[in-house]
Amino acid sequence: MSPSPPDQHSVLAPDVDPTATATPVEPGAPAPDISRTAEALESPAGRSLGVTVLAVLALLYTLYFARDFLLPVTLAVLLDFLLSPVVRAMARLRIPPPIGAIVVIVALLGALAFGVYELAAPVQGWVEKAPATMANVNAKVSSILRPVERVSKTAEQVANATTVPGAARAANEVVIRGPSIVARVFGTTQRFLAGLLEVIILLYFLLAAGDLFLQKLIKVLPNLQGKRTAVQIARETESSISTYLLTTALVNVLEGLFVAAAMYLLGMPNPILWGVLVFFLEFIPYLGAATMTAILTVAAVTTFDGVGRALLVPTAFLAINLVQANVVSPLLLGKRLTLNPVAIVVGLAFWWWIWGVPGAFIAVPMLATFKIFCDHIETLAPIGEFLGRRDEGERRALLRADDPAVRAAATDRAG
């Protein structure tokens, strides 16, 4: 094969007419300056935007794929925020922090083991009765929805009557069995135990070390302003998170006691089990109450024959939950964690997507920690402002700004 002539282009090369000219959209419009576009892309702001996008994507991928490592570390740090005031109080009583950490962890594990032992039998009983329970629920729901089913069957018969014979063919049914609910929440037994052991070991060293990491961080920071900012962030984060966790745990205990008493009065079996479930699920904002309502509804429908009496159970829980959410929690928490409800929902969805059910439990503490960081770093201050609630002063300012008379007066003063 003879080589192609030197002036012949490849079929892959674009066919460009060097003599072509572009006509402006409007007469007299300036010609586009490609050099300015290149300068904008090469400017520090353009490079910074690209690096920021890549850094955010890398962070998301790291959080998702490294969750088996990061989740136990995060849980240990949050528990350190919760329990470190107890260790410091024991240190003031001349109990060394390593010994105080052992005492706190042993007490925590003892309480956890006692709760598991006491609730193992009721939980096992409900799990064993789960198939019969769901069948009973389906039967009662079917009796309630029977008129709707009749309408649906009539519509299906009409659709079948208009179907061409032989057009519908039988299809093979494929059943895909996924992991159980317990496996979705805790994973395999081996992974759960390994993560629990990691949390316990890391929690002990964090409690025993005390302020060691903060002292090392202050030592390596180059300037005095950075040292002050680090101390403020660390102290405010520990104070806010520990206060939130302690107050929320106290509120959940009280709500669990009231729910257990209400379930006992309504004749529900195992009222202590429902109180414990309320205690844990209420750590998840909004979603926990919705899940508890659904669980109590199913349990009540299978326990009582009458639908009216069964509906009293979730109604009682919702009444107690409304009092807790609108009276007790605002009274005890105050403005310690003034987070935007929209930000809480978005943060809950984000950590649920990243780390599953454990991520939903720690969504609010993680969001509060991030807000504290943003409030103390100037470049991130707008994000911290977005995460916070709107105070009454801001609301009044917006209302005054919408008043035409106020705007006119402001214009006159400016003139």
Protein backbone atom coordinates (compact mmCIF):
# COMPACT_ATOMS: atom_id res chain seq x y z
CA MET A 1 0.00 0.00 0.00
CA SER A 2 1.44 3.35 -1.00
CA PRO A 3 1.64 6.05 1.65
CA SER A 4 -0.91 8.83 1.57
CA PRO A 5 0.13 12.17 0.21
CA PRO A 6 1.50 14.59 2.80
CA ASP A 7 -1.33 17.08 2.24
CA GLN A 8 -4.08 14.48 2.75
CA HIS A 9 -5.70 14.62 6.21
CA SER A 10 -6.81 11.63 8.28
CA VAL A 11 -10.50 10.79 8.44
CA LEU A 12 -10.29 11.39 12.19
CA ALA A 13 -9.11 14.97 11.78
CA PRO A 14 -11.86 17.63 11.91
CA ASP A 15 -12.62 19.45 8.69
CA VAL A 16 -12.13 23.11 9.57
CA ASP A 17 -12.45 25.98 7.17
CA PRO A 18 -9.83 28.56 8.19
CA THR A 19 -11.51 31.23 6.07
CA ALA A 20 -14.91 30.94 7.83
CA THR A 21 -16.07 33.89 9.94
CA ALA A 22 -18.74 34.15 12.62
CA THR A 23 -21.43 36.81 12.45
CA PRO A 24 -22.30 38.47 15.80
CA VAL A 25 -25.83 37.92 17.11
CA GLU A 26 -26.32 41.66 17.46
CA PRO A 27 -24.70 44.35 15.32
CA GLY A 28 -21.87 45.98 17.18
CA ALA A 29 -21.52 43.18 19.75
CA PRO A 30 -17.95 42.73 21.02
CA ALA A 31 -16.02 39.80 19.64
CA PRO A 32 -15.51 36.91 22.08
CA ASP A 33 -12.14 37.00 23.81
CA ILE A 34 -10.91 33.43 24.26
CA SER A 35 -7.85 34.62 26.16
CA ARG A 36 -10.02 36.06 28.94
CA THR A 37 -11.85 32.72 29.27
CA ALA A 38 -8.52 30.93 29.55
CA GLU A 39 -7.34 33.42 32.17
CA ALA A 40 -10.54 32.87 34.19
CA LEU A 41 -10.05 29.11 34.13
CA GLU A 42 -6.41 29.46 35.15
CA SER A 43 -7.14 31.99 37.90
CA PRO A 44 -6.79 30.99 41.59
CA ALA A 45 -10.57 31.15 42.03
CA GLY A 46 -11.17 28.76 39.14
CA ARG A 47 -8.54 26.33 40.36
CA SER A 48 -9.89 26.59 43.91
CA LEU A 49 -13.42 25.70 42.77
CA GLY A 50 -12.20 22.63 40.93
CA VAL A 51 -10.08 21.50 43.85
CA THR A 52 -13.02 22.03 46.24
CA VAL A 53 -15.36 19.91 44.10
CA LEU A 54 -12.79 17.12 43.88
CA ALA A 55 -12.14 17.30 47.64
CA VAL A 56 -15.86 17.03 48.44
CA LEU A 57 -16.27 14.03 46.14
CA ALA A 58 -13.20 12.38 47.66
CA LEU A 59 -14.61 12.98 51.15
CA LEU A 60 -17.95 11.40 50.24
CA TYR A 61 -16.30 8.35 48.72
CA THR A 62 -14.02 8.00 51.76
CA LEU A 63 -16.91 8.24 54.22
CA TYR A 64 -18.87 5.61 52.31
CA PHE A 65 -16.19 3.04 51.53
CA ALA A 66 -14.29 3.44 54.82
CA ARG A 67 -17.42 3.21 57.01
CA ASP A 68 -16.29 -0.05 58.65
CA PHE A 69 -13.28 1.86 60.04
CA LEU A 70 -14.74 5.33 60.54
CA LEU A 71 -18.03 4.35 62.22
CA PRO A 72 -16.46 2.73 65.35
CA VAL A 73 -14.04 5.66 65.66
CA THR A 74 -16.89 8.18 65.46
CA LEU A 75 -18.98 6.29 68.02
CA ALA A 76 -16.00 6.13 70.38
CA VAL A 77 -15.39 9.89 70.06
CA LEU A 78 -19.07 10.69 70.73
CA LEU A 79 -19.08 8.40 73.77
CA ASP A 80 -15.91 10.15 74.94
CA PHE A 81 -17.76 13.48 74.76
CA LEU A 82 -20.56 11.92 76.81
CA LEU A 83 -18.48 10.19 79.48
CA SER A 84 -15.40 12.41 79.84
CA PRO A 85 -17.14 14.75 82.37
CA VAL A 86 -17.71 11.69 84.58
CA VAL A 87 -14.03 10.72 84.38
CA ARG A 88 -12.96 14.29 85.20
CA ALA A 89 -15.34 14.34 88.18
CA MET A 90 -13.75 11.11 89.41
CA ALA A 91 -10.31 12.66 88.89
CA ARG A 92 -11.28 15.50 91.25
CA LEU A 93 -11.96 12.76 93.81
CA ARG A 94 -8.33 11.60 93.41
CA ILE A 95 -9.22 8.66 91.15
CA PRO A 96 -6.67 8.47 88.31
CA PRO A 97 -8.18 8.79 84.80
CA PRO A 98 -7.09 5.27 83.69
CA ILE A 99 -8.88 3.72 86.65
CA GLY A 100 -11.86 6.02 86.23
CA ALA A 101 -12.09 5.04 82.56
CA ILE A 102 -12.16 1.35 83.52
CA VAL A 103 -14.91 1.98 86.07
CA VAL A 104 -17.02 3.92 83.58
CA ILE A 105 -16.63 1.35 80.79
CA VAL A 106 -17.36 -1.59 83.10
CA ALA A 107 -20.49 0.17 84.37
CA LEU A 108 -21.58 0.90 80.80
CA LEU A 109 -21.04 -2.70 79.67
CA GLY A 110 -22.79 -4.00 82.79
CA ALA A 111 -25.86 -1.88 82.12
CA LEU A 112 -25.86 -2.98 78.47
CA ALA A 113 -25.53 -6.66 79.39
CA PHE A 114 -28.30 -6.40 81.99
CA GLY A 115 -30.64 -4.78 79.49
CA VAL A 116 -29.90 -7.42 76.85
CA TYR A 117 -30.47 -10.22 79.38
CA GLU A 118 -33.77 -8.82 80.60
CA LEU A 119 -35.13 -8.10 77.12
CA ALA A 120 -33.83 -11.20 75.34
CA ALA A 121 -36.87 -13.34 76.19
CA PRO A 122 -39.55 -10.80 75.12
CA VAL A 123 -37.70 -9.98 71.89
CA GLN A 124 -37.23 -13.67 71.09
CA GLY A 125 -40.92 -14.29 71.70
CA TRP A 126 -41.95 -11.51 69.32
CA VAL A 127 -39.50 -12.72 66.69
CA GLU A 128 -40.82 -16.28 66.89
CA LYS A 129 -44.40 -15.02 66.55
CA ALA A 130 -43.53 -12.66 63.69
CA PRO A 131 -44.96 -14.84 60.85
CA ALA A 132 -48.24 -15.44 62.69
CA THR A 133 -48.32 -11.79 63.70
CA MET A 134 -48.00 -10.54 60.14
CA ALA A 135 -50.62 -13.04 58.96
CA ASN A 136 -53.00 -11.75 61.63
CA VAL A 137 -52.28 -8.15 60.62
CA ASN A 138 -52.90 -8.96 56.96
CA ALA A 139 -56.21 -10.64 57.81
CA LYS A 140 -57.44 -7.67 59.85
CA VAL A 141 -56.26 -5.12 57.32
CA SER A 142 -57.93 -7.13 54.55
CA SER A 143 -61.21 -7.10 56.44
CA ILE A 144 -60.98 -3.32 56.73
CA LEU A 145 -60.01 -2.83 53.09
CA ARG A 146 -62.45 -5.39 51.70
CA PRO A 147 -64.63 -2.80 49.90
CA VAL A 148 -61.54 -1.40 48.20
CA GLU A 149 -60.47 -4.90 47.19
CA ARG A 150 -63.89 -5.54 45.63
CA VAL A 151 -63.55 -2.42 43.50
CA SER A 152 -60.05 -3.47 42.52
CA LYS A 153 -61.20 -6.98 41.54
CA THR A 154 -64.01 -5.52 39.44
CA ALA A 155 -61.56 -3.29 37.61
CA GLU A 156 -59.24 -6.26 37.08
CA GLN A 157 -62.08 -8.34 35.64
CA VAL A 158 -62.95 -5.54 33.24
CA ALA A 159 -59.32 -5.31 32.17
CA ASN A 160 -59.11 -9.09 31.65
CA ALA A 161 -62.30 -9.03 29.57
CA THR A 162 -60.72 -6.53 27.16
CA THR A 163 -57.46 -8.48 26.90
CA VAL A 164 -56.79 -10.39 23.67
CA PRO A 165 -56.83 -14.16 24.38
CA GLY A 166 -53.38 -15.64 24.35
CA ALA A 167 -51.68 -12.27 24.75
CA ALA A 168 -50.92 -12.80 28.42
CA ARG A 169 -48.39 -15.47 29.13
CA ALA A 170 -47.45 -16.99 32.40
CA ALA A 171 -44.20 -15.64 33.71
CA ASN A 172 -41.80 -17.42 35.98
CA GLU A 173 -41.67 -15.83 39.40
CA VAL A 174 -38.17 -15.04 40.65
CA VAL A 175 -37.77 -14.54 44.38
CA ILE A 176 -34.63 -12.74 45.50
CA ARG A 177 -33.90 -13.17 49.15
CA GLY A 178 -32.06 -10.26 50.66
CA PRO A 179 -30.45 -9.89 54.06
CA SER A 180 -32.63 -9.91 57.15
CA ILE A 181 -33.52 -6.79 59.13
CA VAL A 182 -31.02 -7.64 61.86
CA ALA A 183 -28.29 -8.11 59.25
CA ARG A 184 -29.13 -4.75 57.69
CA VAL A 185 -28.91 -2.98 61.07
CA PHE A 186 -25.91 -4.68 62.68
CA GLY A 187 -24.29 -6.58 59.81
CA THR A 188 -22.79 -10.00 60.40
CA THR A 189 -22.09 -11.16 63.95
CA GLN A 190 -18.34 -11.17 63.38
CA ARG A 191 -18.29 -7.63 62.02
CA PHE A 192 -20.58 -6.37 64.80
CA LEU A 193 -18.43 -7.89 67.55
CA ALA A 194 -15.24 -6.59 65.94
CA GLY A 195 -16.69 -3.08 65.72
CA LEU A 196 -17.93 -3.24 69.34
CA LEU A 197 -14.48 -4.33 70.55
CA GLU A 198 -12.87 -1.51 68.60
CA VAL A 199 -15.25 1.03 70.14
CA ILE A 200 -14.55 -0.21 73.68
CA ILE A 201 -10.76 -0.22 73.28
CA LEU A 202 -10.64 3.21 71.63
CA LEU A 203 -13.09 4.64 74.17
CA TYR A 204 -10.90 3.48 77.04
CA PHE A 205 -7.78 5.14 75.64
CA LEU A 206 -9.68 8.34 74.88
CA LEU A 207 -11.07 8.53 78.41
CA ALA A 208 -7.75 7.58 80.00
CA ALA A 209 -5.79 10.11 77.92
CA GLY A 210 -8.05 13.01 78.89
CA ASP A 211 -6.92 16.25 77.19
CA LEU A 212 -3.77 14.71 75.72
CA PHE A 213 -4.82 15.09 72.08
CA LEU A 214 -6.00 18.66 72.63
CA GLN A 215 -2.70 19.55 74.29
CA LYS A 216 -0.73 18.03 71.42
CA LEU A 217 -2.86 19.90 68.88
CA ILE A 218 -2.31 23.21 70.67
CA LYS A 219 1.41 22.53 70.78
CA VAL A 220 1.79 21.95 67.04
CA LEU A 221 -0.37 24.88 65.90
CA PRO A 222 1.85 27.72 64.64
CA ASN A 223 0.13 30.87 65.95
CA LEU A 224 -1.72 31.99 69.07
CA GLN A 225 -5.01 32.65 67.25
CA GLY A 226 -5.05 29.08 65.94
CA LYS A 227 -4.42 27.75 69.44
CA ARG A 228 -7.30 29.78 70.86
CA THR A 229 -9.63 28.67 68.07
CA ALA A 230 -8.73 25.02 68.65
CA VAL A 231 -9.42 25.31 72.38
CA GLN A 232 -12.76 27.08 71.76
CA ILE A 233 -13.88 24.48 69.22
CA ALA A 234 -12.86 21.57 71.44
CA ARG A 235 -14.48 22.95 74.59
CA GLU A 236 -17.69 24.05 72.89
CA THR A 237 -18.01 20.78 70.97
CA GLU A 238 -17.52 18.69 74.09
CA SER A 239 -19.91 20.86 76.11
CA SER A 240 -22.62 20.95 73.46
CA ILE A 241 -22.46 17.27 72.49
CA SER A 242 -22.23 15.99 76.06
CA THR A 243 -25.12 18.25 77.13
CA TYR A 244 -27.19 17.16 74.15
CA LEU A 245 -26.54 13.45 74.68
CA LEU A 246 -27.14 13.58 78.43
CA THR A 247 -30.29 15.68 78.10
CA THR A 248 -31.64 13.58 75.24
CA ALA A 249 -30.93 10.38 77.16
CA LEU A 250 -32.76 11.78 80.20
CA VAL A 251 -35.73 12.89 78.08
CA ASN A 252 -35.84 9.50 76.36
CA VAL A 253 -35.78 7.69 79.72
CA LEU A 254 -38.72 9.77 80.94
CA GLU A 255 -40.63 9.24 77.71
CA GLY A 256 -39.89 5.52 77.83
CA LEU A 257 -41.23 5.30 81.37
CA PHE A 258 -44.43 7.13 80.42
CA VAL A 259 -44.89 4.96 77.33
CA ALA A 260 -44.30 1.77 79.35
CA ALA A 261 -46.87 2.91 81.91
CA ALA A 262 -49.36 3.76 79.16
CA MET A 263 -48.85 0.37 77.49
CA TYR A 264 -49.38 -1.35 80.85
CA LEU A 265 -52.63 0.53 81.44
CA LEU A 266 -53.84 -0.26 77.92
CA GLY A 267 -53.14 -3.98 78.41
CA MET A 268 -50.23 -4.33 75.99
CA PRO A 269 -47.87 -7.26 76.74
CA ASN A 270 -44.21 -6.56 77.66
CA PRO A 271 -44.59 -2.83 78.41
CA ILE A 272 -40.91 -2.54 79.41
CA LEU A 273 -39.90 -3.63 75.90
CA TRP A 274 -41.86 -0.77 74.36
CA GLY A 275 -40.30 1.71 76.77
CA VAL A 276 -36.79 0.54 75.86
CA LEU A 277 -37.57 0.78 72.15
CA VAL A 278 -38.79 4.34 72.67
CA PHE A 279 -35.56 5.19 74.51
CA PHE A 280 -33.36 4.10 71.59
CA LEU A 281 -35.52 5.17 68.65
CA GLU A 282 -36.05 8.68 69.98
CA PHE A 283 -32.35 9.37 69.37
CA ILE A 284 -33.31 9.48 65.65
CA PRO A 285 -35.23 12.72 65.00
CA TYR A 286 -38.65 12.37 63.35
CA LEU A 287 -37.94 8.94 61.87
CA GLY A 288 -37.71 7.29 65.29
CA ALA A 289 -41.19 8.42 66.33
CA ALA A 290 -42.63 7.32 62.98
CA THR A 291 -41.01 3.88 63.29
CA MET A 292 -42.26 3.47 66.86
CA THR A 293 -45.78 4.42 65.79
CA ALA A 294 -45.76 1.76 63.07
CA ILE A 295 -44.38 -0.91 65.45
CA LEU A 296 -46.97 -0.16 68.12
CA THR A 297 -49.76 -0.16 65.54
CA VAL A 298 -48.81 -3.63 64.28
CA ALA A 299 -48.39 -4.97 67.82
CA ALA A 300 -51.73 -3.53 68.96
CA VAL A 301 -53.63 -4.88 65.95
CA THR A 302 -52.36 -8.40 66.69
CA THR A 303 -53.03 -8.09 70.42
CA PHE A 304 -56.58 -6.71 70.48
CA ASP A 305 -59.60 -7.83 68.53
CA GLY A 306 -61.25 -4.43 68.25
CA VAL A 307 -59.74 -1.89 65.87
CA GLY A 308 -60.75 1.02 68.09
CA ARG A 309 -58.92 -0.34 71.12
CA ALA A 310 -55.89 -1.16 68.99
CA LEU A 311 -55.70 2.40 67.69
CA LEU A 312 -55.58 3.70 71.27
CA VAL A 313 -52.03 2.33 71.59
CA PRO A 314 -50.33 4.43 68.86
CA THR A 315 -52.55 7.37 69.77
CA ALA A 316 -51.30 7.28 73.36
CA PHE A 317 -47.69 7.15 72.16
CA LEU A 318 -48.21 10.06 69.78
CA ALA A 319 -49.75 12.15 72.58
CA ILE A 320 -46.77 11.47 74.86
CA ASN A 321 -44.34 12.15 72.01
CA LEU A 322 -45.98 15.48 71.16
CA VAL A 323 -45.67 16.65 74.77
CA GLN A 324 -42.04 15.56 74.83
CA ALA A 325 -41.14 17.21 71.53
CA ASN A 326 -42.97 20.51 72.07
CA VAL A 327 -42.71 21.05 75.84
CA VAL A 328 -40.10 18.91 77.60
CA SER A 329 -37.24 18.93 75.08
CA PRO A 330 -37.35 22.71 74.34
CA LEU A 331 -37.54 23.39 78.08
CA LEU A 332 -34.48 21.25 78.91
CA LEU A 333 -32.35 21.77 75.81
CA GLY A 334 -33.11 25.46 75.35
CA LYS A 335 -30.85 26.99 72.68
CA ARG A 336 -27.85 24.74 73.19
CA LEU A 337 -28.29 23.07 69.82
CA THR A 338 -30.22 25.54 67.68
CA LEU A 339 -30.28 23.55 64.45
CA ASN A 340 -32.47 24.25 61.45
CA PRO A 341 -35.17 21.53 61.13
CA VAL A 342 -34.57 21.36 57.38
CA ALA A 343 -30.85 20.87 58.02
CA ILE A 344 -31.65 18.10 60.51
CA VAL A 345 -33.76 16.25 57.94
CA VAL A 346 -31.08 16.63 55.25
CA GLY A 347 -28.35 15.56 57.69
CA LEU A 348 -30.42 12.58 58.78
CA ALA A 349 -30.89 11.49 55.16
CA PHE A 350 -27.20 12.04 54.42
CA TRP A 351 -25.84 9.98 57.32
CA TRP A 352 -28.48 7.31 56.73
CA TRP A 353 -27.24 7.04 53.14
CA ILE A 354 -23.57 7.00 54.19
CA TRP A 355 -23.64 4.73 57.27
CA GLY A 356 -27.14 3.22 57.46
CA VAL A 357 -29.02 2.92 60.76
CA PRO A 358 -25.99 3.75 62.97
CA GLY A 359 -25.51 6.89 60.90
CA ALA A 360 -29.09 7.94 61.64
CA PHE A 361 -28.39 7.66 65.39
CA ILE A 362 -25.36 9.96 65.23
CA ALA A 363 -26.72 12.37 62.60
CA VAL A 364 -27.64 15.18 65.02
CA PRO A 365 -24.36 15.10 67.03
CA MET A 366 -22.37 15.07 63.80
CA LEU A 367 -24.40 17.97 62.42
CA ALA A 368 -23.97 19.94 65.65
CA THR A 369 -20.21 19.32 65.62
CA PHE A 370 -19.98 20.51 62.02
CA LYS A 371 -21.96 23.66 62.88
CA ILE A 372 -19.59 24.46 65.75
CA PHE A 373 -16.62 24.14 63.41
CA CYS A 374 -18.30 26.42 60.89
CA ASP A 375 -19.13 29.03 63.52
CA HIS A 376 -15.46 29.33 64.54
CA ILE A 377 -13.93 29.32 61.04
CA GLU A 378 -14.45 32.54 59.09
CA THR A 379 -14.64 30.99 55.62
CA LEU A 380 -17.28 28.46 56.78
CA ALA A 381 -19.38 30.94 58.79
CA PRO A 382 -22.14 31.19 56.11
CA ILE A 383 -22.67 27.41 56.31
CA GLY A 384 -22.96 27.63 60.10
CA GLU A 385 -25.51 30.42 59.74
CA PHE A 386 -27.55 28.28 57.36
CA LEU A 387 -27.53 25.33 59.77
CA GLY A 388 -28.82 27.43 62.67
CA ARG A 389 -32.37 28.41 63.50
CA ARG A 390 -33.79 31.84 62.73
CA ASP A 391 -34.08 33.79 65.94
CA GLU A 392 -36.94 36.13 66.78
CA GLY A 393 -34.82 39.23 66.18
CA GLU A 394 -34.11 38.09 62.64
CA ARG A 395 -37.79 37.33 62.07
CA ARG A 396 -38.81 40.80 63.30
CA ALA A 397 -36.18 42.42 61.07
CA LEU A 398 -37.54 40.60 58.03
CA LEU A 399 -41.10 41.63 58.88
CA ARG A 400 -40.08 45.25 59.28
CA ALA A 401 -38.23 45.12 55.96
CA ASP A 402 -41.42 43.94 54.25
CA ASP A 403 -43.40 46.89 55.60
CA PRO A 404 -43.70 49.63 52.88
CA ALA A 405 -43.79 52.38 55.52
CA VAL A 406 -40.59 51.11 57.09
CA ARG A 407 -38.88 50.94 53.70
CA ALA A 408 -40.03 54.48 52.87
CA ALA A 409 -38.74 55.78 56.20
CA ALA A 410 -35.42 54.03 55.68
CA THR A 411 -35.14 55.57 52.18
CA ASP A 412 -35.83 59.07 53.56
CA ARG A 413 -33.18 58.63 56.23
CA ALA A 414 -30.71 57.41 53.65
CA GLY A 415 -31.48 60.39 51.45
